[in-house]
Amino acid sequence: MITLFNTLAQTTPQKPEGFAALLASPAFMIVIMIVMFYFLLIRPQQRQRKEQAARIAALKNGDKVITTAGLHGIVHNVKDATVMVKVAEGTILEFDKPAIATVTKKETKEA
């Protein structure tokens, strides 16, 4: 029995070979983590940023908007870098375009 324990204690663990060695390497795991972060975090955020930029670029008079501060209003005038938003009767505020969080297109009357 003692010889069995001595034999087990003296054997060295074998290192994986081939594809198993590649999967067990720390460098491979880091690459896999970076790829996962790209597809799960970075890519969706880039897509959302592009969609938001397209909505802001397509702003027109009469569109309903919500600002990042939570103000609801209707677009009164669109300039190069700013938007005039009517928030109440007789109250028009000027916001930078990036301050617009949500855009709802004005409803068109169809026959």
PDB file of N, CA and C in Angstrom:
ATOM      1  N   MET A   1       0.813  -1.181   0.000  1.00  0.00           N
ATOM      2  CA  MET A   1       0.000   0.000   0.000  1.00  0.00           C
ATOM      3  C   MET A   1       0.866   1.258   0.000  1.00  0.00           C
ATOM      4  N   ILE A   2       1.940   1.241   0.760  1.00  0.00           N
ATOM      5  CA  ILE A   2       2.838   2.380   0.795  1.00  0.00           C
ATOM      6  C   ILE A   2       3.479   2.582  -0.566  1.00  0.00           C
ATOM      7  N   THR A   3       3.789   1.535  -1.262  1.00  0.00           N
ATOM      8  CA  THR A   3       4.396   1.690  -2.583  1.00  0.00           C
ATOM      9  C   THR A   3       3.413   2.319  -3.574  1.00  0.00           C
ATOM     10  N   LEU A   4       2.115   2.053  -3.424  1.00  0.00           N
ATOM     11  CA  LEU A   4       1.114   2.666  -4.294  1.00  0.00           C
ATOM     12  C   LEU A   4       1.084   4.175  -4.077  1.00  0.00           C
ATOM     13  N   PHE A   5       1.106   4.601  -2.804  1.00  0.00           N
ATOM     14  CA  PHE A   5       1.125   6.029  -2.518  1.00  0.00           C
ATOM     15  C   PHE A   5       2.404   6.686  -3.006  1.00  0.00           C
ATOM     16  N   ASN A   6       3.533   6.012  -2.848  1.00  0.00           N
ATOM     17  CA  ASN A   6       4.805   6.552  -3.331  1.00  0.00           C
ATOM     18  C   ASN A   6       4.796   6.684  -4.851  1.00  0.00           C
ATOM     19  N   THR A   7       4.222   5.702  -5.516  1.00  0.00           N
ATOM     20  CA  THR A   7       4.167   5.745  -6.979  1.00  0.00           C
ATOM     21  C   THR A   7       3.263   6.892  -7.440  1.00  0.00           C
ATOM     22  N   LEU A   8       2.121   7.053  -6.798  1.00  0.00           N
ATOM     23  CA  LEU A   8       1.215   8.141  -7.163  1.00  0.00           C
ATOM     24  C   LEU A   8       1.831   9.503  -6.871  1.00  0.00           C
ATOM     25  N   ALA A   9       2.566   9.621  -5.797  1.00  0.00           N
ATOM     26  CA  ALA A   9       3.187  10.886  -5.427  1.00  0.00           C
ATOM     27  C   ALA A   9       4.329  11.252  -6.356  1.00  0.00           C
ATOM     28  N   GLN A  10       4.983  10.261  -6.922  1.00  0.00           N
ATOM     29  CA  GLN A  10       6.148  10.532  -7.767  1.00  0.00           C
ATOM     30  C   GLN A  10       5.770  10.829  -9.216  1.00  0.00           C
ATOM     31  N   THR A  11       4.574  10.473  -9.625  1.00  0.00           N
ATOM     32  CA  THR A  11       4.202  10.726 -11.024  1.00  0.00           C
ATOM     33  C   THR A  11       3.879  12.196 -11.214  1.00  0.00           C
ATOM     34  N   THR A  12       4.337  12.725 -12.301  1.00  0.00           N
ATOM     35  CA  THR A  12       4.072  14.128 -12.612  1.00  0.00           C
ATOM     36  C   THR A  12       2.842  14.207 -13.515  1.00  0.00           C
ATOM     37  N   PRO A  13       2.005  15.226 -13.321  1.00  0.00           N
ATOM     38  CA  PRO A  13       0.830  15.343 -14.185  1.00  0.00           C
ATOM     39  C   PRO A  13       1.261  15.653 -15.605  1.00  0.00           C
ATOM     40  N   GLN A  14       0.548  15.057 -16.542  1.00  0.00           N
ATOM     41  CA  GLN A  14       0.890  15.270 -17.946  1.00  0.00           C
ATOM     42  C   GLN A  14       0.234  16.555 -18.431  1.00  0.00           C
ATOM     43  N   LYS A  15       0.968  17.291 -19.225  1.00  0.00           N
ATOM     44  CA  LYS A  15       0.434  18.519 -19.806  1.00  0.00           C
ATOM     45  C   LYS A  15      -0.397  18.166 -21.026  1.00  0.00           C
ATOM     46  N   PRO A  16      -1.478  18.912 -21.239  1.00  0.00           N
ATOM     47  CA  PRO A  16      -2.302  18.630 -22.425  1.00  0.00           C
ATOM     48  C   PRO A  16      -1.513  18.919 -23.702  1.00  0.00           C
ATOM     49  N   GLU A  17      -1.891  18.223 -24.737  1.00  0.00           N
ATOM     50  CA  GLU A  17      -1.192  18.374 -26.020  1.00  0.00           C
ATOM     51  C   GLU A  17      -2.185  18.780 -27.101  1.00  0.00           C
ATOM     52  N   GLY A  18      -1.681  19.415 -28.139  1.00  0.00           N
ATOM     53  CA  GLY A  18      -2.488  19.769 -29.307  1.00  0.00           C
ATOM     54  C   GLY A  18      -3.522  20.827 -29.014  1.00  0.00           C
ATOM     55  N   PHE A  19      -4.744  20.549 -29.459  1.00  0.00           N
ATOM     56  CA  PHE A  19      -5.842  21.513 -29.325  1.00  0.00           C
ATOM     57  C   PHE A  19      -6.198  21.752 -27.864  1.00  0.00           C
ATOM     58  N   ALA A  20      -6.104  20.733 -27.044  1.00  0.00           N
ATOM     59  CA  ALA A  20      -6.396  20.880 -25.613  1.00  0.00           C
ATOM     60  C   ALA A  20      -5.419  21.856 -24.967  1.00  0.00           C
ATOM     61  N   ALA A  21      -4.162  21.851 -25.403  1.00  0.00           N
ATOM     62  CA  ALA A  21      -3.171  22.784 -24.869  1.00  0.00           C
ATOM     63  C   ALA A  21      -3.529  24.220 -25.269  1.00  0.00           C
ATOM     64  N   LEU A  22      -4.028  24.377 -26.471  1.00  0.00           N
ATOM     65  CA  LEU A  22      -4.433  25.713 -26.927  1.00  0.00           C
ATOM     66  C   LEU A  22      -5.600  26.241 -26.090  1.00  0.00           C
ATOM     67  N   LEU A  23      -6.573  25.387 -25.834  1.00  0.00           N
ATOM     68  CA  LEU A  23      -7.729  25.801 -25.038  1.00  0.00           C
ATOM     69  C   LEU A  23      -7.357  26.114 -23.598  1.00  0.00           C
ATOM     70  N   ALA A  24      -6.333  25.483 -23.085  1.00  0.00           N
ATOM     71  CA  ALA A  24      -5.934  25.686 -21.699  1.00  0.00           C
ATOM     72  C   ALA A  24      -4.986  26.871 -21.523  1.00  0.00           C
ATOM     73  N   SER A  25      -4.522  27.460 -22.607  1.00  0.00           N
ATOM     74  CA  SER A  25      -3.550  28.545 -22.485  1.00  0.00           C
ATOM     75  C   SER A  25      -4.238  29.842 -22.044  1.00  0.00           C
ATOM     76  N   PRO A  26      -3.599  30.596 -21.165  1.00  0.00           N
ATOM     77  CA  PRO A  26      -4.184  31.860 -20.699  1.00  0.00           C
ATOM     78  C   PRO A  26      -4.358  32.892 -21.819  1.00  0.00           C
ATOM     79  N   ALA A  27      -3.466  32.916 -22.778  1.00  0.00           N
ATOM     80  CA  ALA A  27      -3.561  33.879 -23.884  1.00  0.00           C
ATOM     81  C   ALA A  27      -4.831  33.636 -24.698  1.00  0.00           C
ATOM     82  N   PHE A  28      -5.146  32.372 -24.928  1.00  0.00           N
ATOM     83  CA  PHE A  28      -6.356  32.028 -25.680  1.00  0.00           C
ATOM     84  C   PHE A  28      -7.596  32.476 -24.922  1.00  0.00           C
ATOM     85  N   MET A  29      -7.602  32.282 -23.617  1.00  0.00           N
ATOM     86  CA  MET A  29      -8.745  32.693 -22.798  1.00  0.00           C
ATOM     87  C   MET A  29      -8.934  34.215 -22.826  1.00  0.00           C
ATOM     88  N   ILE A  30      -7.844  34.969 -22.823  1.00  0.00           N
ATOM     89  CA  ILE A  30      -7.927  36.430 -22.886  1.00  0.00           C
ATOM     90  C   ILE A  30      -8.516  36.870 -24.219  1.00  0.00           C
ATOM     91  N   VAL A  31      -8.090  36.217 -25.298  1.00  0.00           N
ATOM     92  CA  VAL A  31      -8.623  36.544 -26.622  1.00  0.00           C
ATOM     93  C   VAL A  31     -10.121  36.251 -26.675  1.00  0.00           C
ATOM     94  N   ILE A  32     -10.527  35.127 -26.132  1.00  0.00           N
ATOM     95  CA  ILE A  32     -11.947  34.773 -26.105  1.00  0.00           C
ATOM     96  C   ILE A  32     -12.742  35.806 -25.299  1.00  0.00           C
ATOM     97  N   MET A  33     -12.200  36.265 -24.176  1.00  0.00           N
ATOM     98  CA  MET A  33     -12.885  37.274 -23.351  1.00  0.00           C
ATOM     99  C   MET A  33     -13.042  38.591 -24.118  1.00  0.00           C
ATOM    100  N   ILE A  34     -11.999  38.999 -24.844  1.00  0.00           N
ATOM    101  CA  ILE A  34     -12.058  40.247 -25.608  1.00  0.00           C
ATOM    102  C   ILE A  34     -13.123  40.143 -26.698  1.00  0.00           C
ATOM    103  N   VAL A  35     -13.183  39.006 -27.379  1.00  0.00           N
ATOM    104  CA  VAL A  35     -14.191  38.804 -28.425  1.00  0.00           C
ATOM    105  C   VAL A  35     -15.595  38.841 -27.826  1.00  0.00           C
ATOM    106  N   MET A  36     -15.776  38.225 -26.674  1.00  0.00           N
ATOM    107  CA  MET A  36     -17.088  38.233 -26.012  1.00  0.00           C
ATOM    108  C   MET A  36     -17.482  39.653 -25.619  1.00  0.00           C
ATOM    109  N   PHE A  37     -16.558  40.430 -25.052  1.00  0.00           N
ATOM    110  CA  PHE A  37     -16.856  41.813 -24.692  1.00  0.00           C
ATOM    111  C   PHE A  37     -17.254  42.619 -25.917  1.00  0.00           C
ATOM    112  N   TYR A  38     -16.567  42.399 -27.038  1.00  0.00           N
ATOM    113  CA  TYR A  38     -16.888  43.148 -28.249  1.00  0.00           C
ATOM    114  C   TYR A  38     -18.318  42.871 -28.686  1.00  0.00           C
ATOM    115  N   PHE A  39     -18.692  41.590 -28.778  1.00  0.00           N
ATOM    116  CA  PHE A  39     -20.007  41.250 -29.300  1.00  0.00           C
ATOM    117  C   PHE A  39     -21.129  41.484 -28.294  1.00  0.00           C
ATOM    118  N   LEU A  40     -20.843  41.437 -26.996  1.00  0.00           N
ATOM    119  CA  LEU A  40     -21.891  41.612 -26.003  1.00  0.00           C
ATOM    120  C   LEU A  40     -22.040  43.048 -25.511  1.00  0.00           C
ATOM    121  N   LEU A  41     -20.970  43.841 -25.538  1.00  0.00           N
ATOM    122  CA  LEU A  41     -21.034  45.188 -24.981  1.00  0.00           C
ATOM    123  C   LEU A  41     -20.759  46.287 -26.005  1.00  0.00           C
ATOM    124  N   ILE A  42     -19.655  46.220 -26.681  1.00  0.00           N
ATOM    125  CA  ILE A  42     -19.207  47.324 -27.527  1.00  0.00           C
ATOM    126  C   ILE A  42     -20.066  47.457 -28.782  1.00  0.00           C
ATOM    127  N   ARG A  43     -20.301  46.368 -29.484  1.00  0.00           N
ATOM    128  CA  ARG A  43     -21.032  46.431 -30.745  1.00  0.00           C
ATOM    129  C   ARG A  43     -22.473  46.930 -30.573  1.00  0.00           C
ATOM    130  N   PRO A  44     -23.233  46.438 -29.593  1.00  0.00           N
ATOM    131  CA  PRO A  44     -24.589  46.977 -29.424  1.00  0.00           C
ATOM    132  C   PRO A  44     -24.604  48.465 -29.073  1.00  0.00           C
ATOM    133  N   GLN A  45     -23.635  48.929 -28.283  1.00  0.00           N
ATOM    134  CA  GLN A  45     -23.583  50.349 -27.944  1.00  0.00           C
ATOM    135  C   GLN A  45     -23.284  51.190 -29.177  1.00  0.00           C
ATOM    136  N   GLN A  46     -22.398  50.713 -30.038  1.00  0.00           N
ATOM    137  CA  GLN A  46     -22.098  51.442 -31.272  1.00  0.00           C
ATOM    138  C   GLN A  46     -23.345  51.537 -32.147  1.00  0.00           C
ATOM    139  N   ARG A  47     -24.100  50.460 -32.235  1.00  0.00           N
ATOM    140  CA  ARG A  47     -25.310  50.451 -33.046  1.00  0.00           C
ATOM    141  C   ARG A  47     -26.338  51.437 -32.486  1.00  0.00           C
ATOM    142  N   GLN A  48     -26.503  51.467 -31.156  1.00  0.00           N
ATOM    143  CA  GLN A  48     -27.441  52.401 -30.543  1.00  0.00           C
ATOM    144  C   GLN A  48     -27.017  53.843 -30.778  1.00  0.00           C
ATOM    145  N   ARG A  49     -25.704  54.111 -30.694  1.00  0.00           N
ATOM    146  CA  ARG A  49     -25.197  55.464 -30.924  1.00  0.00           C
ATOM    147  C   ARG A  49     -25.480  55.913 -32.356  1.00  0.00           C
ATOM    148  N   LYS A  50     -25.295  55.016 -33.327  1.00  0.00           N
ATOM    149  CA  LYS A  50     -25.561  55.360 -34.730  1.00  0.00           C
ATOM    150  C   LYS A  50     -27.054  55.619 -34.961  1.00  0.00           C
ATOM    151  N   GLU A  51     -27.906  54.794 -34.351  1.00  0.00           N
ATOM    152  CA  GLU A  51     -29.347  54.985 -34.512  1.00  0.00           C
ATOM    153  C   GLU A  51     -29.785  56.316 -33.905  1.00  0.00           C
ATOM    154  N   GLN A  52     -29.248  56.655 -32.747  1.00  0.00           N
ATOM    155  CA  GLN A  52     -29.588  57.930 -32.099  1.00  0.00           C
ATOM    156  C   GLN A  52     -29.120  59.112 -32.950  1.00  0.00           C
ATOM    157  N   ALA A  53     -27.917  59.015 -33.509  1.00  0.00           N
ATOM    158  CA  ALA A  53     -27.406  60.090 -34.368  1.00  0.00           C
ATOM    159  C   ALA A  53     -28.283  60.251 -35.606  1.00  0.00           C
ATOM    160  N   ALA A  54     -28.779  59.144 -36.154  1.00  0.00           N
ATOM    161  CA  ALA A  54     -29.650  59.223 -37.323  1.00  0.00           C
ATOM    162  C   ALA A  54     -30.987  59.870 -36.969  1.00  0.00           C
ATOM    163  N   ARG A  55     -31.535  59.553 -35.794  1.00  0.00           N
ATOM    164  CA  ARG A  55     -32.801  60.166 -35.364  1.00  0.00           C
ATOM    165  C   ARG A  55     -32.633  61.663 -35.171  1.00  0.00           C
ATOM    166  N   ILE A  56     -31.524  62.082 -34.570  1.00  0.00           N
ATOM    167  CA  ILE A  56     -31.283  63.505 -34.338  1.00  0.00           C
ATOM    168  C   ILE A  56     -31.070  64.237 -35.660  1.00  0.00           C
ATOM    169  N   ALA A  57     -30.380  63.593 -36.596  1.00  0.00           N
ATOM    170  CA  ALA A  57     -30.145  64.226 -37.896  1.00  0.00           C
ATOM    171  C   ALA A  57     -31.451  64.390 -38.680  1.00  0.00           C
ATOM    172  N   ALA A  58     -32.439  63.548 -38.399  1.00  0.00           N
ATOM    173  CA  ALA A  58     -33.700  63.597 -39.139  1.00  0.00           C
ATOM    174  C   ALA A  58     -34.771  64.413 -38.425  1.00  0.00           C
ATOM    175  N   LEU A  59     -34.400  65.205 -37.423  1.00  0.00           N
ATOM    176  CA  LEU A  59     -35.376  66.020 -36.699  1.00  0.00           C
ATOM    177  C   LEU A  59     -36.048  67.017 -37.633  1.00  0.00           C
ATOM    178  N   LYS A  60     -37.363  67.162 -37.470  1.00  0.00           N
ATOM    179  CA  LYS A  60     -38.124  68.130 -38.260  1.00  0.00           C
ATOM    180  C   LYS A  60     -39.101  68.848 -37.350  1.00  0.00           C
ATOM    181  N   ASN A  61     -39.595  69.971 -37.815  1.00  0.00           N
ATOM    182  CA  ASN A  61     -40.600  70.718 -37.052  1.00  0.00           C
ATOM    183  C   ASN A  61     -41.824  69.841 -36.802  1.00  0.00           C
ATOM    184  N   GLY A  62     -42.325  69.879 -35.569  1.00  0.00           N
ATOM    185  CA  GLY A  62     -43.513  69.119 -35.218  1.00  0.00           C
ATOM    186  C   GLY A  62     -43.232  67.769 -34.588  1.00  0.00           C
ATOM    187  N   ASP A  63     -42.003  67.304 -34.615  1.00  0.00           N
ATOM    188  CA  ASP A  63     -41.656  66.029 -33.976  1.00  0.00           C
ATOM    189  C   ASP A  63     -41.744  66.173 -32.462  1.00  0.00           C
ATOM    190  N   LYS A  64     -42.248  65.148 -31.802  1.00  0.00           N
ATOM    191  CA  LYS A  64     -42.284  65.148 -30.344  1.00  0.00           C
ATOM    192  C   LYS A  64     -40.959  64.596 -29.840  1.00  0.00           C
ATOM    193  N   VAL A  65     -40.374  65.268 -28.849  1.00  0.00           N
ATOM    194  CA  VAL A  65     -39.067  64.854 -28.334  1.00  0.00           C
ATOM    195  C   VAL A  65     -39.092  64.827 -26.808  1.00  0.00           C
ATOM    196  N   ILE A  66     -38.157  64.061 -26.260  1.00  0.00           N
ATOM    197  CA  ILE A  66     -37.887  64.063 -24.825  1.00  0.00           C
ATOM    198  C   ILE A  66     -36.391  64.327 -24.681  1.00  0.00           C
ATOM    199  N   THR A  67     -36.050  65.298 -23.852  1.00  0.00           N
ATOM    200  CA  THR A  67     -34.637  65.634 -23.666  1.00  0.00           C
ATOM    201  C   THR A  67     -34.018  64.719 -22.621  1.00  0.00           C
ATOM    202  N   THR A  68     -32.706  64.787 -22.517  1.00  0.00           N
ATOM    203  CA  THR A  68     -32.005  63.978 -21.511  1.00  0.00           C
ATOM    204  C   THR A  68     -32.368  64.428 -20.103  1.00  0.00           C
ATOM    205  N   ALA A  69     -32.856  65.654 -19.952  1.00  0.00           N
ATOM    206  CA  ALA A  69     -33.288  66.159 -18.646  1.00  0.00           C
ATOM    207  C   ALA A  69     -34.722  65.737 -18.330  1.00  0.00           C
ATOM    208  N   GLY A  70     -35.416  65.143 -19.300  1.00  0.00           N
ATOM    209  CA  GLY A  70     -36.765  64.667 -19.073  1.00  0.00           C
ATOM    210  C   GLY A  70     -37.859  65.616 -19.505  1.00  0.00           C
ATOM    211  N   LEU A  71     -37.508  66.701 -20.176  1.00  0.00           N
ATOM    212  CA  LEU A  71     -38.514  67.646 -20.664  1.00  0.00           C
ATOM    213  C   LEU A  71     -39.153  67.110 -21.937  1.00  0.00           C
ATOM    214  N   HIS A  72     -40.480  67.139 -21.980  1.00  0.00           N
ATOM    215  CA  HIS A  72     -41.224  66.729 -23.167  1.00  0.00           C
ATOM    216  C   HIS A  72     -41.611  67.978 -23.936  1.00  0.00           C
ATOM    217  N   GLY A  73     -41.512  67.887 -25.247  1.00  0.00           N
ATOM    218  CA  GLY A  73     -41.882  69.043 -26.040  1.00  0.00           C
ATOM    219  C   GLY A  73     -42.007  68.707 -27.508  1.00  0.00           C
ATOM    220  N   ILE A  74     -42.274  69.730 -28.285  1.00  0.00           N
ATOM    221  CA  ILE A  74     -42.430  69.596 -29.730  1.00  0.00           C
ATOM    222  C   ILE A  74     -41.379  70.476 -30.388  1.00  0.00           C
ATOM    223  N   VAL A  75     -40.727  69.942 -31.414  1.00  0.00           N
ATOM    224  CA  VAL A  75     -39.688  70.699 -32.113  1.00  0.00           C
ATOM    225  C   VAL A  75     -40.332  71.881 -32.821  1.00  0.00           C
ATOM    226  N   HIS A  76     -39.801  73.060 -32.533  1.00  0.00           N
ATOM    227  CA  HIS A  76     -40.314  74.285 -33.142  1.00  0.00           C
ATOM    228  C   HIS A  76     -39.430  74.721 -34.310  1.00  0.00           C
ATOM    229  N   ASN A  77     -38.110  74.565 -34.142  1.00  0.00           N
ATOM    230  CA  ASN A  77     -37.169  74.990 -35.177  1.00  0.00           C
ATOM    231  C   ASN A  77     -35.893  74.171 -35.013  1.00  0.00           C
ATOM    232  N   VAL A  78     -35.288  73.787 -36.129  1.00  0.00           N
ATOM    233  CA  VAL A  78     -34.041  73.024 -36.105  1.00  0.00           C
ATOM    234  C   VAL A  78     -32.950  73.874 -36.731  1.00  0.00           C
ATOM    235  N   LYS A  79     -31.851  74.055 -35.995  1.00  0.00           N
ATOM    236  CA  LYS A  79     -30.694  74.787 -36.506  1.00  0.00           C
ATOM    237  C   LYS A  79     -29.545  73.799 -36.710  1.00  0.00           C
ATOM    238  N   ASP A  80     -28.367  74.310 -37.060  1.00  0.00           N
ATOM    239  CA  ASP A  80     -27.225  73.434 -37.309  1.00  0.00           C
ATOM    240  C   ASP A  80     -26.839  72.621 -36.069  1.00  0.00           C
ATOM    241  N   ALA A  81     -26.679  73.273 -34.942  1.00  0.00           N
ATOM    242  CA  ALA A  81     -26.203  72.588 -33.733  1.00  0.00           C
ATOM    243  C   ALA A  81     -27.234  72.556 -32.618  1.00  0.00           C
ATOM    244  N   THR A  82     -28.330  73.278 -32.776  1.00  0.00           N
ATOM    245  CA  THR A  82     -29.321  73.357 -31.704  1.00  0.00           C
ATOM    246  C   THR A  82     -30.724  73.082 -32.224  1.00  0.00           C
ATOM    247  N   VAL A  83     -31.627  72.865 -31.270  1.00  0.00           N
ATOM    248  CA  VAL A  83     -33.031  72.609 -31.578  1.00  0.00           C
ATOM    249  C   VAL A  83     -33.876  73.489 -30.661  1.00  0.00           C
ATOM    250  N   MET A  84     -34.848  74.168 -31.217  1.00  0.00           N
ATOM    251  CA  MET A  84     -35.787  74.959 -30.429  1.00  0.00           C
ATOM    252  C   MET A  84     -36.980  74.052 -30.123  1.00  0.00           C
ATOM    253  N   VAL A  85     -37.250  73.844 -28.821  1.00  0.00           N
ATOM    254  CA  VAL A  85     -38.310  72.934 -28.399  1.00  0.00           C
ATOM    255  C   VAL A  85     -39.384  73.722 -27.662  1.00  0.00           C
ATOM    256  N   LYS A  86     -40.611  73.546 -28.099  1.00  0.00           N
ATOM    257  CA  LYS A  86     -41.751  74.192 -27.444  1.00  0.00           C
ATOM    258  C   LYS A  86     -42.220  73.252 -26.338  1.00  0.00           C
ATOM    259  N   VAL A  87     -42.067  73.705 -25.077  1.00  0.00           N
ATOM    260  CA  VAL A  87     -42.422  72.861 -23.938  1.00  0.00           C
ATOM    261  C   VAL A  87     -43.771  73.234 -23.347  1.00  0.00           C
ATOM    262  N   ALA A  88     -44.226  74.446 -23.591  1.00  0.00           N
ATOM    263  CA  ALA A  88     -45.542  74.900 -23.135  1.00  0.00           C
ATOM    264  C   ALA A  88     -45.985  76.030 -24.049  1.00  0.00           C
ATOM    265  N   GLU A  89     -47.221  76.419 -23.929  1.00  0.00           N
ATOM    266  CA  GLU A  89     -47.725  77.513 -24.766  1.00  0.00           C
ATOM    267  C   GLU A  89     -46.941  78.780 -24.461  1.00  0.00           C
ATOM    268  N   GLY A  90     -46.256  79.305 -25.461  1.00  0.00           N
ATOM    269  CA  GLY A  90     -45.472  80.522 -25.304  1.00  0.00           C
ATOM    270  C   GLY A  90     -44.090  80.302 -24.694  1.00  0.00           C
ATOM    271  N   THR A  91     -43.691  79.046 -24.458  1.00  0.00           N
ATOM    272  CA  THR A  91     -42.374  78.763 -23.881  1.00  0.00           C
ATOM    273  C   THR A  91     -41.583  77.900 -24.846  1.00  0.00           C
ATOM    274  N   ILE A  92     -40.517  78.487 -25.385  1.00  0.00           N
ATOM    275  CA  ILE A  92     -39.651  77.768 -26.314  1.00  0.00           C
ATOM    276  C   ILE A  92     -38.245  77.780 -25.740  1.00  0.00           C
ATOM    277  N   LEU A  93     -37.663  76.592 -25.615  1.00  0.00           N
ATOM    278  CA  LEU A  93     -36.312  76.455 -25.078  1.00  0.00           C
ATOM    279  C   LEU A  93     -35.377  75.961 -26.167  1.00  0.00           C
ATOM    280  N   GLU A  94     -34.135  76.388 -26.088  1.00  0.00           N
ATOM    281  CA  GLU A  94     -33.132  75.979 -27.074  1.00  0.00           C
ATOM    282  C   GLU A  94     -32.216  74.938 -26.437  1.00  0.00           C
ATOM    283  N   PHE A  95     -32.062  73.790 -27.109  1.00  0.00           N
ATOM    284  CA  PHE A  95     -31.219  72.698 -26.630  1.00  0.00           C
ATOM    285  C   PHE A  95     -30.188  72.338 -27.684  1.00  0.00           C
ATOM    286  N   ASP A  96     -29.039  71.865 -27.237  1.00  0.00           N
ATOM    287  CA  ASP A  96     -28.089  71.272 -28.173  1.00  0.00           C
ATOM    288  C   ASP A  96     -28.691  69.974 -28.701  1.00  0.00           C
ATOM    289  N   LYS A  97     -28.355  69.617 -29.920  1.00  0.00           N
ATOM    290  CA  LYS A  97     -28.919  68.397 -30.504  1.00  0.00           C
ATOM    291  C   LYS A  97     -28.599  67.139 -29.686  1.00  0.00           C
ATOM    292  N   PRO A  98     -27.392  66.988 -29.131  1.00  0.00           N
ATOM    293  CA  PRO A  98     -27.134  65.773 -28.336  1.00  0.00           C
ATOM    294  C   PRO A  98     -27.992  65.671 -27.064  1.00  0.00           C
ATOM    295  N   ALA A  99     -28.661  66.751 -26.661  1.00  0.00           N
ATOM    296  CA  ALA A  99     -29.515  66.719 -25.480  1.00  0.00           C
ATOM    297  C   ALA A  99     -30.860  66.052 -25.755  1.00  0.00           C
ATOM    298  N   ILE A 100     -31.148  65.731 -27.000  1.00  0.00           N
ATOM    299  CA  ILE A 100     -32.399  65.069 -27.343  1.00  0.00           C
ATOM    300  C   ILE A 100     -32.206  63.568 -27.151  1.00  0.00           C
ATOM    301  N   ALA A 101     -33.020  62.990 -26.264  1.00  0.00           N
ATOM    302  CA  ALA A 101     -32.886  61.566 -25.944  1.00  0.00           C
ATOM    303  C   ALA A 101     -33.803  60.691 -26.789  1.00  0.00           C
ATOM    304  N   THR A 102     -35.050  61.126 -26.969  1.00  0.00           N
ATOM    305  CA  THR A 102     -36.032  60.312 -27.686  1.00  0.00           C
ATOM    306  C   THR A 102     -36.768  61.184 -28.695  1.00  0.00           C
ATOM    307  N   VAL A 103     -37.009  60.619 -29.874  1.00  0.00           N
ATOM    308  CA  VAL A 103     -37.724  61.339 -30.932  1.00  0.00           C
ATOM    309  C   VAL A 103     -38.917  60.503 -31.369  1.00  0.00           C
ATOM    310  N   THR A 104     -40.106  61.137 -31.391  1.00  0.00           N
ATOM    311  CA  THR A 104     -41.302  60.500 -31.923  1.00  0.00           C
ATOM    312  C   THR A 104     -41.758  61.352 -33.094  1.00  0.00           C
ATOM    313  N   LYS A 105     -41.812  60.761 -34.262  1.00  0.00           N
ATOM    314  CA  LYS A 105     -42.193  61.515 -35.460  1.00  0.00           C
ATOM    315  C   LYS A 105     -43.627  61.993 -35.352  1.00  0.00           C
ATOM    316  N   LYS A 106     -43.875  63.169 -35.950  1.00  0.00           N
ATOM    317  CA  LYS A 106     -45.233  63.707 -35.953  1.00  0.00           C
ATOM    318  C   LYS A 106     -46.113  62.813 -36.807  1.00  0.00           C
ATOM    319  N   GLU A 107     -47.361  62.726 -36.419  1.00  0.00           N
ATOM    320  CA  GLU A 107     -48.302  61.899 -37.153  1.00  0.00           C
ATOM    321  C   GLU A 107     -48.752  62.602 -38.409  1.00  0.00           C
ATOM    322  N   THR A 108     -48.754  61.886 -39.506  1.00  0.00           N
ATOM    323  CA  THR A 108     -49.231  62.460 -40.769  1.00  0.00           C
ATOM    324  C   THR A 108     -50.659  61.984 -40.992  1.00  0.00           C
ATOM    325  N   LYS A 109     -51.498  62.891 -41.494  1.00  0.00           N
ATOM    326  CA  LYS A 109     -52.896  62.532 -41.776  1.00  0.00           C
ATOM    327  C   LYS A 109     -52.965  61.814 -43.096  1.00  0.00           C
ATOM    328  N   GLU A 110     -53.529  60.609 -43.035  1.00  0.00           N
ATOM    329  CA  GLU A 110     -53.672  59.819 -44.259  1.00  0.00           C
ATOM    330  C   GLU A 110     -55.146  59.788 -44.628  1.00  0.00           C
ATOM    331  N   ALA A 111     -55.429  59.812 -45.916  1.00  0.00           N
ATOM    332  CA  ALA A 111     -56.821  59.823 -46.396  1.00  0.00           C
ATOM    333  C   ALA A 111     -57.463  58.483 -46.277  1.00  0.00           C
TER     334      ALA A 111
END
